[in-house]
Amino acid sequence: MNLSLYGYGTPAKKDWIAVDCGVAFAGPELPGIDLVMPDPSFIEGEKKRLRALIITHAHEDHIGAVADLWPRLGCPIYLTPFAAAMLETKRLSEAGAPKIPIRVIRPGERIELGPFAFEMISVAHSIPESTALAITSPLGTVVHTGDWKIDPTPVLGEKTDEGRFRALGDAGVLAMIGDSTNAIREGSSPSEANVALELEKIIAAAKGRVAVTTFASNVGRIRAVAEAAMRADRQVVLVGRAMERVITIAREQGMLEGIPPFVSAESYGYLPRDKVVAVLTGSQGEPRAALARVANDDHPEVTLAPGDTVVFSSRTIPGNEKAVGAIVNGLVKQGVQIITDRDALVHVSGHPRRGEMEQMYNWVRPQIAVPVHGEPYHMAEHAALAKRMGVKEVILANDGDMIRLAPGEPDVVDTLPAARLFKDGYLLIEEASRVVPERRKLSFAGIVSVAIAMDERGVVVGDIQMDMAGVPEQDAMGDDLADLVEETVLDCVEGLPKARRRDPDAVAESVTRAIRGTLNARWGKKPMCHVLVVTV
């Protein structure tokens, strides 16, 4: 859910550039919420001096909120050709998405933006055209690493540009804002080329069908699977809309030259079992993705059988373990062989381990280090590493912290609002909204809805209308809870003073308390309660 701001100027008048604008995926603690994104209220108030939004790469946690939040920013967006195509495809898939002024640039180009200038620098990562940024101002150069790793033999795209980072370091770098995701892991990450070799061995040795699930955005990994399939005389079937969208863009960008066209899912059942490799979405256990449907045996075109192999060419994101486990169990019940990164080198991270981070610090040699992009544990380990590498000043900051890099001593000098927005269907709602807490209550204890008609004297007229959802039918003694609630309503109304009975709001408040108290006594939970009092 990345959104970083860089400002230059006096406290009263700053120019700004923003870097990345991404989403996080909502978990079960946010019922009904589709996506989470940063609240841009602060920079929205400063948008007249917001020079640009720069996108480092096309992963959803860096680009996914652009279509929703750009109307609040209103600035030009700078990004690479692949990221631009991904953004446009996403925009066209959403009804009413705004036309966004994009400026397509390539690594090495220098762009002037008021007091700033910036340059994109190629880095290896798990999506094409990933970049770091060198941002300059009259007070110095800042390197914003984005997501990166050092891979001497990537399957697709450019290597991390050691020469350019070394040149920046030789010229002098004020600060480096650096990726902390793998700061707790020793050594260096294996190369994508090593993963490609392992996938080739697995596909060549397989007797039945092979299915590979990976992130749809990892075009290099999909290319490696396709090349392995070609050498094993198998055809590749793409399964999943997200996969199809990314591959269409990759072909348009020339990233799959030499790879034959992939086969549609409709052709899967007509191919011999030893002549097919399916590439599916759903590596994170997404319930609506292709792999989950295959595991539940309800996919319309793709099925697996004993003797087939499924390769999880991915890492399970923390929080998704249960969902991924359910898919693995479903596949095992079908007699399918499962291969994960615990069994073979079928996945490598796109983020640097400690050895790679040390190399980057040796190249750049910044005066200041600011760890970002990770949990507090990861950032603390990154800070310790930076100190060991001789960085003079290391600043650990939280979301919303404003850091003065120069002039003077670097420090956290202010804390700005850093709330979240929730994508709820077609709407964006604020984190402080009552919507999510109310849904949590509903999911925990249900709801009771009651309608009471009363005359001018405060006497109940006709039957009480009532509905309960998410509430048990009977208590532990076998008594009907709906009958009990109805008795409670009548007893409550009859017990009210006459003056209070003639006040609909007072009646509704008293009945609500009575229903919740009764159900808590018999059930142990207090449901939400809506009471409507109508005067007839």
Protein backbone atom coordinates (compact mmCIF):
# COMPACT_ATOMS: atom_id res chain seq x y z
CA MET A 1 0.00 0.00 0.00
CA ASN A 2 2.87 2.31 -0.90
CA LEU A 3 2.56 6.09 -1.15
CA SER A 4 5.65 8.20 -0.44
CA LEU A 5 6.01 11.97 -0.62
CA TYR A 6 9.12 14.05 -1.20
CA GLY A 7 8.95 17.78 -0.52
CA TYR A 8 11.32 20.69 -1.04
CA GLY A 9 10.89 24.24 0.17
CA THR A 10 10.00 26.26 3.24
CA PRO A 11 7.56 25.02 5.89
CA ALA A 12 4.89 27.27 4.41
CA LYS A 13 5.55 26.56 0.74
CA LYS A 14 6.79 23.23 -0.59
CA ASP A 15 6.90 21.55 -3.97
CA TRP A 16 6.04 17.85 -3.85
CA ILE A 17 6.42 14.68 -5.83
CA ALA A 18 4.66 11.43 -4.92
CA VAL A 19 6.11 7.97 -5.49
CA ASP A 20 3.80 4.98 -6.01
CA CYS A 21 0.13 4.67 -5.13
CA GLY A 22 -0.82 1.11 -4.25
CA VAL A 23 -3.36 -1.10 -2.52
CA ALA A 24 -3.35 -3.83 0.08
CA PHE A 25 -5.82 -6.70 0.03
CA ALA A 26 -8.39 -6.80 2.81
CA GLY A 27 -8.47 -9.76 5.17
CA PRO A 28 -11.32 -11.26 7.17
CA GLU A 29 -10.94 -8.51 9.78
CA LEU A 30 -12.46 -6.11 7.19
CA PRO A 31 -15.71 -7.86 6.19
CA GLY A 32 -17.03 -6.81 2.80
CA ILE A 33 -14.02 -4.63 1.99
CA ASP A 34 -12.31 -5.38 -1.33
CA LEU A 35 -9.14 -3.28 -1.11
CA VAL A 36 -7.31 -1.00 1.29
CA MET A 37 -5.47 2.09 0.09
CA PRO A 38 -3.71 5.09 1.61
CA ASP A 39 -5.79 8.16 2.41
CA PRO A 40 -4.22 11.00 0.35
CA SER A 41 -5.99 13.80 2.26
CA PHE A 42 -2.76 15.57 3.22
CA ILE A 43 -1.31 15.82 -0.26
CA GLU A 44 -4.78 16.46 -1.69
CA GLY A 45 -4.69 19.71 0.28
CA GLU A 46 -1.32 20.50 -1.31
CA LYS A 47 -2.08 19.26 -4.82
CA LYS A 48 -1.55 22.65 -6.48
CA ARG A 49 2.15 22.13 -5.78
CA LEU A 50 2.20 18.38 -6.46
CA ARG A 51 4.44 18.12 -9.51
CA ALA A 52 3.99 14.44 -10.35
CA LEU A 53 3.22 10.91 -9.27
CA ILE A 54 6.00 8.50 -10.24
CA ILE A 55 5.31 4.74 -10.40
CA THR A 56 8.33 2.52 -9.82
CA HIS A 57 6.69 -0.68 -11.13
CA ALA A 58 3.33 -2.29 -11.85
CA HIS A 59 2.69 -4.46 -8.79
CA GLU A 60 -0.68 -3.76 -7.18
CA ASP A 61 0.88 -2.51 -3.94
CA HIS A 62 2.56 0.23 -5.99
CA ILE A 63 0.05 1.04 -8.74
CA GLY A 64 -3.31 -0.45 -7.70
CA ALA A 65 -4.86 2.70 -6.18
CA VAL A 66 -4.08 5.07 -9.04
CA ALA A 67 -7.45 4.80 -10.80
CA ASP A 68 -9.31 5.47 -7.55
CA LEU A 69 -7.08 8.17 -6.07
CA TRP A 70 -5.81 10.10 -9.09
CA PRO A 71 -8.90 12.39 -9.17
CA ARG A 72 -7.83 13.61 -5.72
CA LEU A 73 -4.28 14.30 -6.92
CA GLY A 74 -4.76 15.62 -10.45
CA CYS A 75 -1.07 15.52 -11.38
CA PRO A 76 0.80 13.92 -14.30
CA ILE A 77 1.90 10.30 -13.80
CA TYR A 78 5.31 9.06 -14.94
CA LEU A 79 5.83 5.35 -15.53
CA THR A 80 7.43 2.78 -17.84
CA PRO A 81 5.69 1.35 -20.94
CA PHE A 82 4.72 -1.92 -19.23
CA ALA A 83 3.35 -0.16 -16.16
CA ALA A 84 1.47 2.27 -18.41
CA ALA A 85 -0.15 -0.61 -20.30
CA MET A 86 -1.08 -2.34 -17.04
CA LEU A 87 -2.62 0.86 -15.70
CA GLU A 88 -4.61 1.47 -18.88
CA THR A 89 -5.91 -2.11 -18.93
CA LYS A 90 -6.98 -1.78 -15.31
CA ARG A 91 -8.62 1.58 -15.98
CA LEU A 92 -10.60 0.27 -18.93
CA SER A 93 -11.88 -2.65 -16.86
CA GLU A 94 -13.45 -0.34 -14.27
CA ALA A 95 -16.65 1.48 -15.16
CA GLY A 96 -16.32 5.24 -14.87
CA ALA A 97 -12.55 5.22 -14.31
CA PRO A 98 -11.06 8.63 -15.20
CA LYS A 99 -8.80 9.38 -18.13
CA ILE A 100 -5.38 9.81 -16.54
CA PRO A 101 -2.56 11.94 -18.03
CA ILE A 102 0.34 9.51 -18.22
CA ARG A 103 3.91 10.25 -19.32
CA VAL A 104 5.74 7.13 -20.49
CA ILE A 105 9.48 7.19 -19.82
CA ARG A 106 12.32 4.70 -19.77
CA PRO A 107 15.24 4.12 -17.40
CA GLY A 108 18.02 6.63 -17.95
CA GLU A 109 15.78 9.55 -18.92
CA ARG A 110 16.12 12.62 -16.69
CA ILE A 111 12.92 14.55 -15.98
CA GLU A 112 12.88 18.09 -14.52
CA LEU A 113 10.00 18.92 -12.16
CA GLY A 114 10.42 22.35 -10.61
CA PRO A 115 13.16 22.08 -7.95
CA PHE A 116 13.33 18.33 -8.49
CA ALA A 117 14.80 16.14 -11.16
CA PHE A 118 14.43 12.38 -11.22
CA GLU A 119 15.81 9.44 -13.13
CA MET A 120 14.55 5.86 -13.28
CA ILE A 121 17.19 3.16 -12.79
CA SER A 122 16.64 -0.45 -13.87
CA VAL A 123 16.46 -3.04 -11.10
CA ALA A 124 15.70 -6.76 -11.14
CA HIS A 125 12.41 -7.71 -9.53
CA SER A 126 9.52 -10.12 -10.12
CA ILE A 127 7.69 -7.97 -12.66
CA PRO A 128 8.99 -6.40 -15.88
CA GLU A 129 10.47 -2.91 -15.98
CA SER A 130 10.96 -2.41 -12.26
CA THR A 131 12.88 0.72 -11.36
CA ALA A 132 14.56 2.60 -8.55
CA LEU A 133 14.58 6.40 -8.55
CA ALA A 134 17.36 8.93 -8.17
CA ILE A 135 15.64 12.13 -7.02
CA THR A 136 17.72 15.29 -6.94
CA SER A 137 17.08 18.72 -5.43
CA PRO A 138 19.37 21.66 -4.56
CA LEU A 139 20.06 19.89 -1.24
CA GLY A 140 21.26 16.59 -2.65
CA THR A 141 20.32 13.26 -4.21
CA VAL A 142 17.98 10.69 -2.72
CA VAL A 143 17.91 7.09 -3.96
CA HIS A 144 14.47 5.51 -3.60
CA THR A 145 15.16 1.82 -4.25
CA GLY A 146 11.60 0.63 -4.83
CA ASP A 147 11.38 -3.18 -4.89
CA TRP A 148 14.59 -4.77 -6.13
CA LYS A 149 17.08 -7.59 -5.92
CA ILE A 150 20.42 -8.42 -7.52
CA ASP A 151 19.97 -11.13 -10.14
CA PRO A 152 22.92 -11.69 -12.50
CA THR A 153 20.85 -13.90 -14.81
CA PRO A 154 17.20 -12.76 -14.96
CA VAL A 155 14.96 -14.69 -17.35
CA LEU A 156 13.39 -11.47 -18.56
CA GLY A 157 14.30 -7.81 -18.40
CA GLU A 158 17.28 -5.83 -17.21
CA LYS A 159 19.70 -6.60 -14.42
CA THR A 160 20.02 -4.20 -11.50
CA ASP A 161 22.15 -1.38 -12.93
CA GLU A 162 25.27 -1.64 -10.79
CA GLY A 163 27.14 0.91 -12.89
CA ARG A 164 24.54 3.62 -12.41
CA PHE A 165 24.29 3.03 -8.66
CA ARG A 166 28.07 3.15 -8.34
CA ALA A 167 28.15 6.41 -10.32
CA LEU A 168 25.55 7.94 -8.00
CA GLY A 169 27.55 6.82 -4.99
CA ASP A 170 30.73 8.35 -6.43
CA ALA A 171 28.89 11.66 -6.99
CA GLY A 172 27.49 11.62 -3.46
CA VAL A 173 24.10 10.46 -2.18
CA LEU A 174 22.34 12.27 0.63
CA ALA A 175 19.92 9.46 1.55
CA MET A 176 18.73 6.04 0.49
CA ILE A 177 15.13 5.00 1.13
CA GLY A 178 15.41 1.22 0.95
CA ASP A 179 13.41 -2.00 0.69
CA SER A 180 13.46 -4.01 3.95
CA THR A 181 11.31 -7.01 2.99
CA ASN A 182 14.04 -9.67 3.23
CA ALA A 183 16.35 -7.91 5.69
CA ILE A 184 16.11 -10.84 8.10
CA ARG A 185 17.47 -13.35 5.56
CA GLU A 186 21.19 -14.02 5.18
CA GLY A 187 23.05 -14.38 1.92
CA SER A 188 21.81 -13.57 -1.56
CA SER A 189 18.71 -14.68 -3.42
CA PRO A 190 19.04 -17.38 -6.07
CA SER A 191 18.55 -16.28 -9.66
CA GLU A 192 15.42 -16.65 -11.74
CA ALA A 193 17.60 -18.69 -14.10
CA ASN A 194 18.00 -21.32 -11.35
CA VAL A 195 14.23 -21.47 -10.94
CA ALA A 196 13.86 -21.88 -14.70
CA LEU A 197 16.22 -24.89 -14.65
CA GLU A 198 14.28 -26.53 -11.81
CA LEU A 199 10.94 -25.98 -13.54
CA GLU A 200 12.39 -27.52 -16.70
CA LYS A 201 13.44 -30.65 -14.77
CA ILE A 202 10.01 -31.03 -13.16
CA ILE A 203 8.10 -30.57 -16.42
CA ALA A 204 10.42 -32.91 -18.34
CA ALA A 205 10.05 -35.67 -15.71
CA ALA A 206 6.28 -35.44 -15.30
CA LYS A 207 4.15 -38.28 -16.68
CA GLY A 208 0.74 -36.64 -16.47
CA ARG A 209 -0.51 -33.09 -16.69
CA VAL A 210 1.49 -30.28 -15.10
CA ALA A 211 -0.13 -27.19 -13.62
CA VAL A 212 1.97 -24.24 -12.45
CA THR A 213 0.51 -21.47 -10.33
CA THR A 214 2.37 -18.21 -9.88
CA PHE A 215 1.68 -14.49 -9.68
CA ALA A 216 0.10 -13.31 -12.92
CA SER A 217 2.49 -10.34 -13.02
CA ASN A 218 5.62 -12.52 -12.99
CA VAL A 219 6.08 -12.56 -16.75
CA GLY A 220 9.65 -13.85 -16.45
CA ARG A 221 8.46 -16.91 -14.53
CA ILE A 222 5.69 -17.56 -17.07
CA ARG A 223 8.23 -17.28 -19.88
CA ALA A 224 10.44 -19.82 -18.07
CA VAL A 225 7.49 -22.23 -17.83
CA ALA A 226 6.73 -21.73 -21.53
CA GLU A 227 10.32 -22.42 -22.56
CA ALA A 228 10.39 -25.56 -20.41
CA ALA A 229 7.11 -26.70 -21.97
CA MET A 230 8.49 -26.18 -25.47
CA ARG A 231 11.50 -28.37 -24.71
CA ALA A 232 9.23 -31.07 -23.26
CA ASP A 233 6.95 -30.94 -26.33
CA ARG A 234 4.03 -29.62 -24.29
CA GLN A 235 1.58 -26.82 -24.99
CA VAL A 236 0.87 -24.06 -22.49
CA VAL A 237 -2.72 -23.36 -21.48
CA LEU A 238 -3.44 -20.07 -19.72
CA VAL A 239 -6.18 -20.25 -17.11
CA GLY A 240 -7.47 -17.13 -15.38
CA ARG A 241 -8.45 -13.66 -16.59
CA ALA A 242 -5.64 -11.88 -14.73
CA MET A 243 -3.09 -14.17 -16.38
CA GLU A 244 -4.60 -13.54 -19.81
CA ARG A 245 -4.53 -9.75 -19.34
CA VAL A 246 -0.88 -9.64 -18.30
CA ILE A 247 0.25 -12.00 -21.06
CA THR A 248 -1.57 -9.92 -23.68
CA ILE A 249 0.35 -6.84 -22.53
CA ALA A 250 3.65 -8.76 -22.37
CA ARG A 251 3.23 -9.94 -25.97
CA GLU A 252 2.40 -6.42 -27.12
CA GLN A 253 5.57 -5.20 -25.39
CA GLY A 254 7.71 -7.87 -27.10
CA MET A 255 8.51 -9.74 -23.89
CA LEU A 256 7.49 -13.16 -25.20
CA GLU A 257 9.34 -13.24 -28.52
CA GLY A 258 10.02 -16.79 -29.63
CA ILE A 259 7.22 -18.19 -27.45
CA PRO A 260 4.34 -19.75 -29.42
CA PRO A 261 0.81 -18.49 -28.75
CA PHE A 262 -0.70 -20.02 -25.63
CA VAL A 263 -3.75 -22.25 -25.83
CA SER A 264 -7.08 -21.20 -24.33
CA ALA A 265 -8.63 -23.04 -21.41
CA GLU A 266 -11.38 -24.36 -23.68
CA SER A 267 -8.77 -26.54 -25.45
CA TYR A 268 -7.38 -28.05 -22.25
CA GLY A 269 -9.56 -31.17 -22.23
CA TYR A 270 -8.65 -32.07 -25.81
CA LEU A 271 -4.88 -32.20 -25.23
CA PRO A 272 -3.14 -35.46 -24.24
CA ARG A 273 -2.23 -35.52 -20.56
CA ASP A 274 1.50 -35.64 -21.26
CA LYS A 275 1.33 -32.73 -23.72
CA VAL A 276 -0.03 -29.94 -21.55
CA VAL A 277 1.22 -27.42 -18.99
CA ALA A 278 -1.47 -25.26 -17.44
CA VAL A 279 -0.49 -21.89 -15.94
CA LEU A 280 -3.11 -20.80 -13.43
CA THR A 281 -3.95 -17.90 -11.18
CA GLY A 282 -4.69 -18.54 -7.52
CA SER A 283 -1.30 -19.11 -5.89
CA GLN A 284 -2.45 -17.18 -2.79
CA GLY A 285 -5.60 -19.19 -2.22
CA GLU A 286 -7.96 -16.63 -3.75
CA PRO A 287 -11.37 -18.35 -3.59
CA ARG A 288 -12.53 -17.15 -7.02
CA ALA A 289 -9.26 -17.82 -8.84
CA ALA A 290 -8.74 -20.72 -11.25
CA LEU A 291 -6.72 -22.97 -8.95
CA ALA A 292 -9.29 -22.84 -6.13
CA ARG A 293 -11.98 -23.94 -8.57
CA VAL A 294 -9.80 -26.79 -9.81
CA ALA A 295 -9.12 -27.88 -6.22
CA ASN A 296 -12.87 -27.85 -5.54
CA ASP A 297 -13.47 -29.79 -8.78
CA ASP A 298 -15.84 -27.16 -10.12
CA HIS A 299 -13.79 -25.52 -12.90
CA PRO A 300 -15.69 -25.73 -16.21
CA GLU A 301 -12.64 -26.61 -18.35
CA VAL A 302 -9.72 -27.68 -16.18
CA THR A 303 -9.56 -30.89 -14.15
CA LEU A 304 -6.73 -32.86 -12.58
CA ALA A 305 -6.37 -36.53 -11.75
CA PRO A 306 -4.03 -38.93 -9.91
CA GLY A 307 -0.57 -38.74 -11.49
CA ASP A 308 -0.84 -35.04 -12.32
CA THR A 309 1.48 -32.45 -10.76
CA VAL A 310 0.80 -28.96 -9.41
CA VAL A 311 3.76 -26.64 -8.84
CA PHE A 312 3.32 -23.68 -6.51
CA SER A 313 5.89 -21.35 -8.08
CA SER A 314 5.22 -18.68 -5.49
CA ARG A 315 5.60 -17.74 -1.85
CA THR A 316 2.56 -17.78 0.40
CA ILE A 317 2.02 -14.23 1.63
CA PRO A 318 1.62 -14.14 5.44
CA GLY A 319 -2.06 -14.33 6.25
CA ASN A 320 -2.91 -16.53 3.26
CA GLU A 321 -1.65 -19.79 4.75
CA LYS A 322 -5.08 -21.17 5.63
CA ALA A 323 -6.55 -20.44 2.20
CA VAL A 324 -3.54 -21.95 0.39
CA GLY A 325 -3.65 -24.97 2.71
CA ALA A 326 -7.28 -25.60 1.82
CA ILE A 327 -6.37 -25.66 -1.88
CA VAL A 328 -3.43 -27.99 -1.30
CA ASN A 329 -5.67 -30.35 0.67
CA GLY A 330 -8.28 -30.32 -2.08
CA LEU A 331 -5.67 -31.22 -4.68
CA VAL A 332 -4.14 -33.96 -2.52
CA LYS A 333 -7.57 -35.54 -2.15
CA GLN A 334 -7.66 -35.75 -5.95
CA GLY A 335 -4.38 -37.68 -5.95
CA VAL A 336 -2.33 -34.79 -7.32
CA GLN A 337 1.39 -34.44 -6.51
CA ILE A 338 2.19 -31.05 -4.95
CA ILE A 339 5.56 -29.32 -5.34
CA THR A 340 6.29 -26.10 -3.39
CA ASP A 341 9.41 -24.11 -2.61
CA ARG A 342 9.94 -26.44 0.36
CA ASP A 343 10.46 -29.32 -2.07
CA ALA A 344 12.45 -27.69 -4.86
CA LEU A 345 13.77 -24.34 -6.06
CA VAL A 346 10.54 -23.36 -7.81
CA HIS A 347 10.37 -19.80 -6.47
CA VAL A 348 12.70 -16.97 -5.50
CA SER A 349 11.78 -13.67 -3.93
CA GLY A 350 11.97 -10.42 -5.83
CA HIS A 351 13.44 -8.64 -2.79
CA PRO A 352 17.07 -8.43 -1.59
CA ARG A 353 18.54 -10.50 1.19
CA ARG A 354 21.24 -9.11 3.45
CA GLY A 355 24.08 -9.92 1.07
CA GLU A 356 22.44 -7.97 -1.73
CA MET A 357 21.61 -5.07 0.59
CA GLU A 358 25.27 -4.90 1.62
CA GLN A 359 26.28 -4.71 -2.04
CA MET A 360 23.83 -1.85 -2.62
CA TYR A 361 25.20 0.08 0.36
CA ASN A 362 28.73 -0.46 -0.95
CA TRP A 363 27.66 1.00 -4.31
CA VAL A 364 25.58 3.96 -3.10
CA ARG A 365 27.28 4.89 0.23
CA PRO A 366 24.49 7.23 1.42
CA GLN A 367 24.88 9.64 4.32
CA ILE A 368 21.40 8.71 5.60
CA ALA A 369 19.43 5.45 5.46
CA VAL A 370 15.65 5.21 5.89
CA PRO A 371 14.36 1.61 5.95
CA VAL A 372 10.88 1.20 4.44
CA HIS A 373 8.69 -1.49 2.89
CA GLY A 374 8.46 -4.18 5.55
CA GLU A 375 7.18 -4.99 9.01
CA PRO A 376 8.82 -3.18 11.99
CA TYR A 377 11.03 -6.25 12.58
CA HIS A 378 12.32 -6.13 9.00
CA MET A 379 12.98 -2.39 9.15
CA ALA A 380 14.82 -2.70 12.47
CA GLU A 381 17.08 -5.38 10.96
CA HIS A 382 17.64 -3.16 7.93
CA ALA A 383 18.59 -0.28 10.24
CA ALA A 384 21.13 -2.46 12.07
CA LEU A 385 22.62 -3.56 8.74
CA ALA A 386 22.92 0.03 7.53
CA LYS A 387 24.77 1.00 10.70
CA ARG A 388 27.15 -1.94 10.26
CA MET A 389 27.79 -0.71 6.72
CA GLY A 390 28.97 2.64 8.07
CA VAL A 391 25.94 4.83 7.30
CA LYS A 392 26.22 7.93 9.51
CA GLU A 393 22.50 8.48 10.17
CA VAL A 394 19.78 5.82 10.20
CA ILE A 395 16.18 6.88 10.73
CA LEU A 396 13.41 4.46 11.66
CA ALA A 397 10.04 6.01 10.89
CA ASN A 398 6.37 5.12 10.98
CA ASP A 399 3.58 5.79 8.52
CA GLY A 400 2.87 9.51 8.50
CA ASP A 401 6.25 10.60 9.84
CA MET A 402 7.77 13.58 8.03
CA ILE A 403 11.56 13.28 7.89
CA ARG A 404 13.85 16.24 7.32
CA LEU A 405 16.77 14.94 5.30
CA ALA A 406 18.44 18.34 4.81
CA PRO A 407 19.55 20.95 5.72
CA GLY A 408 20.81 20.28 9.21
CA GLU A 409 20.58 17.09 11.21
CA PRO A 410 18.19 14.52 9.74
CA ASP A 411 15.24 13.81 12.00
CA VAL A 412 11.51 13.12 12.22
CA VAL A 413 10.10 16.64 12.43
CA ASP A 414 6.35 16.13 12.13
CA THR A 415 3.65 13.49 11.90
CA LEU A 416 0.99 13.86 9.23
CA PRO A 417 -2.38 12.11 8.96
CA ALA A 418 -1.78 8.64 7.48
CA ALA A 419 -5.14 6.93 7.56
CA ARG A 420 -6.50 4.30 5.19
CA LEU A 421 -9.37 4.22 2.73
CA PHE A 422 -11.48 1.13 2.09
CA LYS A 423 -12.75 0.14 -1.36
CA ASP A 424 -16.27 -1.08 -0.68
CA GLY A 425 -17.86 -2.12 -3.96
CA TYR A 426 -17.85 1.05 -6.06
CA LEU A 427 -17.31 3.32 -3.06
CA LEU A 428 -14.32 4.61 -1.10
CA ILE A 429 -15.04 4.90 2.60
CA GLU A 430 -12.89 6.32 5.37
CA GLU A 431 -11.22 4.10 7.93
CA ALA A 432 -13.11 5.94 10.68
CA SER A 433 -16.47 5.12 9.10
CA ARG A 434 -18.93 3.10 11.18
CA VAL A 435 -19.43 0.65 8.29
CA VAL A 436 -16.70 -1.86 9.13
CA PRO A 437 -17.26 -1.96 12.92
CA GLU A 438 -20.97 -2.54 12.31
CA ARG A 439 -20.21 -5.39 9.93
CA ARG A 440 -17.93 -6.97 12.51
CA LYS A 441 -20.75 -6.83 15.02
CA LEU A 442 -23.14 -8.34 12.49
CA SER A 443 -20.74 -11.18 11.74
CA PHE A 444 -20.25 -11.84 15.45
CA ALA A 445 -23.79 -11.66 16.81
CA GLY A 446 -26.31 -11.07 14.00
CA ILE A 447 -29.15 -8.57 13.96
CA VAL A 448 -32.69 -8.26 15.29
CA SER A 449 -35.13 -5.96 13.45
CA VAL A 450 -38.42 -5.00 15.13
CA ALA A 451 -41.29 -2.81 13.90
CA ILE A 452 -43.94 -1.64 16.40
CA ALA A 453 -47.13 0.26 15.55
CA MET A 454 -48.51 2.40 18.41
CA ASP A 455 -51.44 4.77 18.69
CA GLU A 456 -51.38 8.29 20.13
CA ARG A 457 -51.88 6.95 23.67
CA GLY A 458 -48.82 4.71 23.43
CA VAL A 459 -50.74 1.47 23.07
CA VAL A 460 -49.39 -1.26 20.76
CA VAL A 461 -51.64 -1.71 17.72
CA GLY A 462 -51.66 -5.05 15.88
CA ASP A 463 -48.88 -7.59 15.82
CA ILE A 464 -45.23 -6.80 16.32
CA GLN A 465 -43.22 -7.38 13.10
CA MET A 466 -39.88 -8.98 13.75
CA ASP A 467 -36.99 -10.58 11.89
CA MET A 468 -33.75 -12.05 13.19
CA ALA A 469 -30.64 -12.89 11.14
CA GLY A 470 -27.59 -14.67 12.50
CA VAL A 471 -29.33 -15.43 15.81
CA PRO A 472 -29.88 -19.02 16.99
CA GLU A 473 -33.42 -20.34 16.92
CA GLN A 474 -33.41 -21.73 20.48
CA ASP A 475 -31.54 -21.16 23.72
CA ALA A 476 -29.81 -23.88 25.76
CA MET A 477 -33.11 -24.89 27.38
CA GLY A 478 -34.86 -25.28 24.06
CA ASP A 479 -36.94 -22.11 24.35
CA ASP A 480 -37.69 -20.30 21.10
CA LEU A 481 -35.67 -17.09 21.05
CA ALA A 482 -38.02 -15.33 18.62
CA ASP A 483 -40.93 -15.86 21.03
CA LEU A 484 -38.74 -14.70 23.89
CA VAL A 485 -37.82 -11.48 22.01
CA GLU A 486 -41.48 -10.79 21.23
CA GLU A 487 -42.44 -11.21 24.90
CA THR A 488 -39.56 -8.91 25.86
CA VAL A 489 -40.80 -6.20 23.51
CA LEU A 490 -44.36 -6.34 24.87
CA ASP A 491 -43.22 -6.43 28.49
CA CYS A 492 -40.84 -3.51 27.88
CA VAL A 493 -43.49 -1.31 26.25
CA GLU A 494 -46.11 -2.10 28.88
CA GLY A 495 -43.67 -1.31 31.66
CA LEU A 496 -42.82 2.16 30.37
CA PRO A 497 -44.39 5.25 31.95
CA LYS A 498 -47.26 6.67 29.85
CA ALA A 499 -45.36 9.81 28.92
CA ARG A 500 -42.38 7.78 27.67
CA ARG A 501 -44.66 5.45 25.67
CA ARG A 502 -45.87 8.45 23.66
CA ASP A 503 -42.26 9.23 22.57
CA PRO A 504 -41.30 6.89 19.63
CA ASP A 505 -37.56 7.51 20.09
CA ALA A 506 -37.75 6.70 23.80
CA VAL A 507 -39.68 3.50 23.08
CA ALA A 508 -37.13 2.42 20.44
CA GLU A 509 -34.22 3.06 22.82
CA SER A 510 -35.84 1.11 25.68
CA VAL A 511 -36.85 -1.83 23.49
CA THR A 512 -33.35 -2.04 22.00
CA ARG A 513 -31.77 -2.27 25.46
CA ALA A 514 -34.33 -4.84 26.58
CA ILE A 515 -33.83 -7.12 23.57
CA ARG A 516 -30.03 -7.03 23.85
CA GLY A 517 -30.20 -7.71 27.59
CA THR A 518 -32.58 -10.65 27.21
CA LEU A 519 -30.57 -12.28 24.44
CA ASN A 520 -27.32 -11.75 26.34
CA ALA A 521 -28.83 -13.51 29.35
CA ARG A 522 -30.07 -16.49 27.31
CA TRP A 523 -27.41 -16.65 24.57
CA GLY A 524 -24.35 -14.82 25.87
CA LYS A 525 -24.20 -12.36 22.96
CA LYS A 526 -25.69 -8.96 22.18
CA PRO A 527 -26.80 -8.66 18.54
CA MET A 528 -27.25 -5.41 16.71
CA CYS A 529 -30.82 -4.27 17.13
CA HIS A 530 -32.94 -1.98 14.94
CA VAL A 531 -36.30 -0.91 16.32
CA LEU A 532 -38.78 1.11 14.27
CA VAL A 533 -41.73 2.68 16.11
CA VAL A 534 -44.58 3.92 13.91
CA THR A 535 -47.38 6.11 15.28
CA VAL A 536 -50.78 5.33 13.71
